[in-house]
Amino acid sequence: MDAITSFSYKPLRLSFVLSALGFAMAGVLAITAFFSHHNGMAYGLLSVIFLMSSLPLLCVGILGEYIGRVYDEVRQRPLSIINHVYRTDQAFSAEEFTSERMSLEAQETILKKLFPAA
């Protein structure tokens, strides 16, 4: 169970999906209870049960989303995203690293390739 829940907060988002399914089922049962001639009371009761059981799942989903966002902030990962990925053969070529051709302009180009955000 730790392997599933310790690295992600996506299992907490499952409660949103389950609450949406519960609300949809409550709606279907309410419509069925309204148009049913035989067991309208039973369908209505089931509709209310699904509706009331979906509300706590929705609350748990909201809390789970909040806890997941706090968890992301606590990990203190940088917010930047790498815009471009360079292959190693493009970033480093033998011609750029010869001592005769190494100029200030070439060094700046290499630094821009290695650290695009800098």
C-alpha atoms as a PDB file:
ATOM      1  CA  MET A   1       0.000   0.000   0.000  1.00  0.00           C
ATOM      2  CA  ASP A   2       2.931   2.354   0.663  1.00  0.00           C
ATOM      3  CA  ALA A   3       4.175   1.884  -2.894  1.00  0.00           C
ATOM      4  CA  ILE A   4       0.861   3.113  -4.262  1.00  0.00           C
ATOM      5  CA  THR A   5       0.259   6.052  -1.966  1.00  0.00           C
ATOM      6  CA  SER A   6       3.673   7.374  -0.966  1.00  0.00           C
ATOM      7  CA  PHE A   7       4.868   8.833  -4.271  1.00  0.00           C
ATOM      8  CA  SER A   8       1.668  10.257  -5.688  1.00  0.00           C
ATOM      9  CA  TYR A   9      -1.504  11.969  -4.632  1.00  0.00           C
ATOM     10  CA  LYS A  10      -3.460  10.566  -7.572  1.00  0.00           C
ATOM     11  CA  PRO A  11      -5.214   7.932  -5.434  1.00  0.00           C
ATOM     12  CA  LEU A  12      -6.759  10.852  -3.579  1.00  0.00           C
ATOM     13  CA  ARG A  13      -8.151  12.097  -6.876  1.00  0.00           C
ATOM     14  CA  LEU A  14      -9.958   8.793  -7.229  1.00  0.00           C
ATOM     15  CA  SER A  15     -12.532  10.091  -4.769  1.00  0.00           C
ATOM     16  CA  PHE A  16     -13.459  12.820  -7.283  1.00  0.00           C
ATOM     17  CA  VAL A  17     -14.143  10.160  -9.898  1.00  0.00           C
ATOM     18  CA  LEU A  18     -16.138   8.051  -7.470  1.00  0.00           C
ATOM     19  CA  SER A  19     -18.182  11.041  -6.331  1.00  0.00           C
ATOM     20  CA  ALA A  20     -18.930  11.962  -9.955  1.00  0.00           C
ATOM     21  CA  LEU A  21     -20.084   8.404 -10.596  1.00  0.00           C
ATOM     22  CA  GLY A  22     -22.218   8.555  -7.454  1.00  0.00           C
ATOM     23  CA  PHE A  23     -23.833  11.839  -8.502  1.00  0.00           C
ATOM     24  CA  ALA A  24     -24.498  10.450 -11.978  1.00  0.00           C
ATOM     25  CA  MET A  25     -26.021   7.292 -10.533  1.00  0.00           C
ATOM     26  CA  ALA A  26     -28.155   9.383  -8.164  1.00  0.00           C
ATOM     27  CA  GLY A  27     -29.395  11.399 -11.131  1.00  0.00           C
ATOM     28  CA  VAL A  28     -30.237   8.289 -13.142  1.00  0.00           C
ATOM     29  CA  LEU A  29     -32.057   6.747 -10.197  1.00  0.00           C
ATOM     30  CA  ALA A  30     -33.963   9.997  -9.524  1.00  0.00           C
ATOM     31  CA  ILE A  31     -35.139  10.137 -13.127  1.00  0.00           C
ATOM     32  CA  THR A  32     -36.075   6.454 -12.950  1.00  0.00           C
ATOM     33  CA  ALA A  33     -37.976   7.051  -9.695  1.00  0.00           C
ATOM     34  CA  PHE A  34     -39.851   9.961 -11.249  1.00  0.00           C
ATOM     35  CA  PHE A  35     -40.996   8.000 -14.309  1.00  0.00           C
ATOM     36  CA  SER A  36     -41.395   4.567 -12.684  1.00  0.00           C
ATOM     37  CA  HIS A  37     -44.878   3.299 -11.990  1.00  0.00           C
ATOM     38  CA  HIS A  38     -43.988   0.238  -9.909  1.00  0.00           C
ATOM     39  CA  ASN A  39     -40.992   0.877  -7.618  1.00  0.00           C
ATOM     40  CA  GLY A  40     -40.723   4.653  -7.549  1.00  0.00           C
ATOM     41  CA  MET A  41     -40.160   4.794  -3.803  1.00  0.00           C
ATOM     42  CA  ALA A  42     -37.298   2.271  -3.906  1.00  0.00           C
ATOM     43  CA  TYR A  43     -35.551   4.115  -6.741  1.00  0.00           C
ATOM     44  CA  GLY A  44     -36.003   7.411  -4.917  1.00  0.00           C
ATOM     45  CA  LEU A  45     -34.524   5.966  -1.745  1.00  0.00           C
ATOM     46  CA  LEU A  46     -31.533   4.580  -3.650  1.00  0.00           C
ATOM     47  CA  SER A  47     -31.111   7.943  -5.340  1.00  0.00           C
ATOM     48  CA  VAL A  48     -30.945   9.741  -1.994  1.00  0.00           C
ATOM     49  CA  ILE A  49     -28.479   7.127  -0.659  1.00  0.00           C
ATOM     50  CA  PHE A  50     -26.184   7.608  -3.663  1.00  0.00           C
ATOM     51  CA  LEU A  51     -26.456  11.387  -3.375  1.00  0.00           C
ATOM     52  CA  MET A  52     -25.636  11.446   0.332  1.00  0.00           C
ATOM     53  CA  SER A  53     -22.761   8.995  -0.016  1.00  0.00           C
ATOM     54  CA  SER A  54     -21.246  11.038  -2.852  1.00  0.00           C
ATOM     55  CA  LEU A  55     -21.031  14.219  -0.787  1.00  0.00           C
ATOM     56  CA  PRO A  56     -18.352  12.882   1.635  1.00  0.00           C
ATOM     57  CA  LEU A  57     -16.383  11.534  -1.327  1.00  0.00           C
ATOM     58  CA  LEU A  58     -16.478  14.992  -2.882  1.00  0.00           C
ATOM     59  CA  CYS A  59     -15.213  16.529   0.369  1.00  0.00           C
ATOM     60  CA  VAL A  60     -12.402  13.974   0.589  1.00  0.00           C
ATOM     61  CA  GLY A  61     -11.503  14.748  -3.027  1.00  0.00           C
ATOM     62  CA  ILE A  62     -11.263  18.471  -2.283  1.00  0.00           C
ATOM     63  CA  LEU A  63      -9.096  17.805   0.771  1.00  0.00           C
ATOM     64  CA  GLY A  64      -6.968  15.373  -1.226  1.00  0.00           C
ATOM     65  CA  GLU A  65      -6.353  17.973  -3.914  1.00  0.00           C
ATOM     66  CA  TYR A  66      -5.344  20.495  -1.276  1.00  0.00           C
ATOM     67  CA  ILE A  67      -3.014  18.030   0.456  1.00  0.00           C
ATOM     68  CA  GLY A  68      -1.507  17.042  -2.896  1.00  0.00           C
ATOM     69  CA  ARG A  69      -0.688  20.635  -3.757  1.00  0.00           C
ATOM     70  CA  VAL A  70       0.845  21.202  -0.328  1.00  0.00           C
ATOM     71  CA  TYR A  71       2.864  18.014  -0.826  1.00  0.00           C
ATOM     72  CA  ASP A  72       4.206  19.354  -4.123  1.00  0.00           C
ATOM     73  CA  GLU A  73       5.263  22.593  -2.451  1.00  0.00           C
ATOM     74  CA  VAL A  74       6.927  20.798   0.452  1.00  0.00           C
ATOM     75  CA  ARG A  75       9.110  18.771  -1.915  1.00  0.00           C
ATOM     76  CA  GLN A  76      10.617  22.112  -3.023  1.00  0.00           C
ATOM     77  CA  ARG A  77      11.188  21.172  -6.627  1.00  0.00           C
ATOM     78  CA  PRO A  78      11.956  24.013  -9.033  1.00  0.00           C
ATOM     79  CA  LEU A  79       9.059  25.454 -10.970  1.00  0.00           C
ATOM     80  CA  SER A  80      11.042  25.899 -14.186  1.00  0.00           C
ATOM     81  CA  ILE A  81      10.625  23.578 -17.133  1.00  0.00           C
ATOM     82  CA  ILE A  82      13.369  22.845 -19.618  1.00  0.00           C
ATOM     83  CA  ASN A  83      12.330  24.450 -22.906  1.00  0.00           C
ATOM     84  CA  HIS A  84      14.657  22.574 -25.240  1.00  0.00           C
ATOM     85  CA  VAL A  85      16.516  19.301 -24.887  1.00  0.00           C
ATOM     86  CA  TYR A  86      19.881  19.099 -26.585  1.00  0.00           C
ATOM     87  CA  ARG A  87      21.444  15.874 -27.657  1.00  0.00           C
ATOM     88  CA  THR A  88      25.007  15.386 -26.460  1.00  0.00           C
ATOM     89  CA  ASP A  89      26.421  15.317 -29.978  1.00  0.00           C
ATOM     90  CA  GLN A  90      24.809  18.707 -30.683  1.00  0.00           C
ATOM     91  CA  ALA A  91      25.934  20.297 -27.440  1.00  0.00           C
ATOM     92  CA  PHE A  92      29.533  19.111 -27.617  1.00  0.00           C
ATOM     93  CA  SER A  93      31.496  18.817 -30.819  1.00  0.00           C
ATOM     94  CA  ALA A  94      35.220  18.336 -31.172  1.00  0.00           C
ATOM     95  CA  GLU A  95      35.623  21.523 -33.207  1.00  0.00           C
ATOM     96  CA  GLU A  96      34.293  23.738 -30.437  1.00  0.00           C
ATOM     97  CA  PHE A  97      36.686  22.362 -27.850  1.00  0.00           C
ATOM     98  CA  THR A  98      39.976  22.816 -29.659  1.00  0.00           C
ATOM     99  CA  SER A  99      42.144  25.328 -27.858  1.00  0.00           C
ATOM    100  CA  GLU A 100      42.801  27.360 -31.050  1.00  0.00           C
ATOM    101  CA  ARG A 101      39.130  28.023 -31.788  1.00  0.00           C
ATOM    102  CA  MET A 102      37.939  28.538 -28.264  1.00  0.00           C
ATOM    103  CA  SER A 103      36.909  32.164 -28.122  1.00  0.00           C
ATOM    104  CA  LEU A 104      34.674  34.093 -25.820  1.00  0.00           C
ATOM    105  CA  GLU A 105      31.826  33.854 -28.302  1.00  0.00           C
ATOM    106  CA  ALA A 106      32.133  30.057 -28.530  1.00  0.00           C
ATOM    107  CA  GLN A 107      32.201  29.773 -24.744  1.00  0.00           C
ATOM    108  CA  GLU A 108      29.005  31.798 -24.494  1.00  0.00           C
ATOM    109  CA  THR A 109      27.371  29.588 -27.117  1.00  0.00           C
ATOM    110  CA  ILE A 110      28.318  26.457 -25.200  1.00  0.00           C
ATOM    111  CA  LEU A 111      27.044  27.943 -21.960  1.00  0.00           C
ATOM    112  CA  LYS A 112      23.751  28.858 -23.632  1.00  0.00           C
ATOM    113  CA  LYS A 113      23.399  25.291 -24.874  1.00  0.00           C
ATOM    114  CA  LEU A 114      24.175  23.811 -21.484  1.00  0.00           C
ATOM    115  CA  PHE A 115      22.156  26.282 -19.405  1.00  0.00           C
ATOM    116  CA  PRO A 116      19.350  27.710 -21.610  1.00  0.00           C
ATOM    117  CA  ALA A 117      17.606  29.503 -18.725  1.00  0.00           C
ATOM    118  CA  ALA A 118      20.733  31.327 -17.536  1.00  0.00           C
END
